[in-house]
C-alpha atoms as a PDB file:
ATOM      1  CA  UNK A   1      47.751 146.781-183.192  1.00  0.00           C
ATOM      2  CA  UNK A   2      45.095 146.842-185.947  1.00  0.00           C
ATOM      3  CA  UNK A   3      47.392 148.525-188.364  1.00  0.00           C
ATOM      4  CA  UNK A   4      50.065 145.635-188.417  1.00  0.00           C
ATOM      5  CA  UNK A   5      49.969 142.278-190.009  1.00  0.00           C
ATOM      6  CA  UNK A   6      52.967 141.091-187.620  1.00  0.00           C
ATOM      7  CA  UNK A   7      54.459 142.732-184.561  1.00  0.00           C
ATOM      8  CA  UNK A   8      57.436 141.350-182.254  1.00  0.00           C
ATOM      9  CA  UNK A   9      59.455 142.783-179.626  1.00  0.00           C
ATOM     10  CA  UNK A  10      62.662 141.237-178.389  1.00  0.00           C
ATOM     11  CA  UNK A  11      64.480 142.425-175.374  1.00  0.00           C
ATOM     12  CA  UNK A  12      68.239 141.119-174.628  1.00  0.00           C
ATOM     13  CA  UNK A  13      70.244 141.815-171.663  1.00  0.00           C
ATOM     14  CA  UNK A  14      74.072 141.108-171.754  1.00  0.00           C
ATOM     15  CA  UNK A  15      75.948 141.268-168.681  1.00  0.00           C
ATOM     16  CA  UNK A  16      79.345 143.629-169.239  1.00  0.00           C
ATOM     17  CA  UNK A  17      82.343 144.260-166.753  1.00  0.00           C
ATOM     18  CA  UNK A  18      80.525 146.539-164.438  1.00  0.00           C
ATOM     19  CA  UNK A  19      77.093 146.885-165.847  1.00  0.00           C
ATOM     20  CA  UNK A  20      74.672 145.518-168.433  1.00  0.00           C
ATOM     21  CA  UNK A  21      73.927 146.215-172.076  1.00  0.00           C
ATOM     22  CA  UNK A  22      70.188 146.159-173.180  1.00  0.00           C
ATOM     23  CA  UNK A  23      69.184 145.708-176.815  1.00  0.00           C
ATOM     24  CA  UNK A  24      65.471 146.151-177.912  1.00  0.00           C
ATOM     25  CA  UNK A  25      64.410 145.076-181.202  1.00  0.00           C
ATOM     26  CA  UNK A  26      60.984 146.074-182.629  1.00  0.00           C
ATOM     27  CA  UNK A  27      59.957 144.096-185.966  1.00  0.00           C
ATOM     28  CA  UNK A  28      56.615 145.117-187.530  1.00  0.00           C
ATOM     29  CA  UNK A  29      54.916 144.467-190.853  1.00  0.00           C
ATOM     30  CA  UNK A  30      52.374 147.120-191.694  1.00  0.00           C
ATOM     31  CA  UNK A  31      49.010 145.907-193.475  1.00  0.00           C
ATOM     32  CA  UNK A  32      49.246 148.782-195.848  1.00  0.00           C
ATOM     33  CA  UNK A  33      52.333 150.126-197.344  1.00  0.00           C
ATOM     34  CA  UNK A  34      51.988 153.450-196.139  1.00  0.00           C
ATOM     35  CA  UNK A  35      50.597 152.619-192.612  1.00  0.00           C
ATOM     36  CA  UNK A  36      52.015 154.187-189.586  1.00  0.00           C
ATOM     37  CA  UNK A  37      54.967 153.493-187.593  1.00  0.00           C
ATOM     38  CA  UNK A  38      54.397 152.158-183.898  1.00  0.00           C
ATOM     39  CA  UNK A  39      55.325 155.394-182.377  1.00  0.00           C
ATOM     40  CA  UNK A  40      53.108 155.029-179.315  1.00  0.00           C
ATOM     41  CA  UNK A  41      55.285 152.043-178.390  1.00  0.00           C
ATOM     42  CA  UNK A  42      58.621 153.645-178.724  1.00  0.00           C
ATOM     43  CA  UNK A  43      58.174 156.532-176.604  1.00  0.00           C
ATOM     44  CA  UNK A  44      59.793 154.362-174.041  1.00  0.00           C
ATOM     45  CA  UNK A  45      63.427 155.263-175.409  1.00  0.00           C
END
């Protein structure tokens, strides 16, 4: 996380008719304009 000024993850689960909908939101701000994306975290998808 040393490459990011801020990092937040939000997970929202909404019940549907016969199941659920899961919404993942990743928000981050790089310390430098050309900084890396947080790809080690997003492998889950």
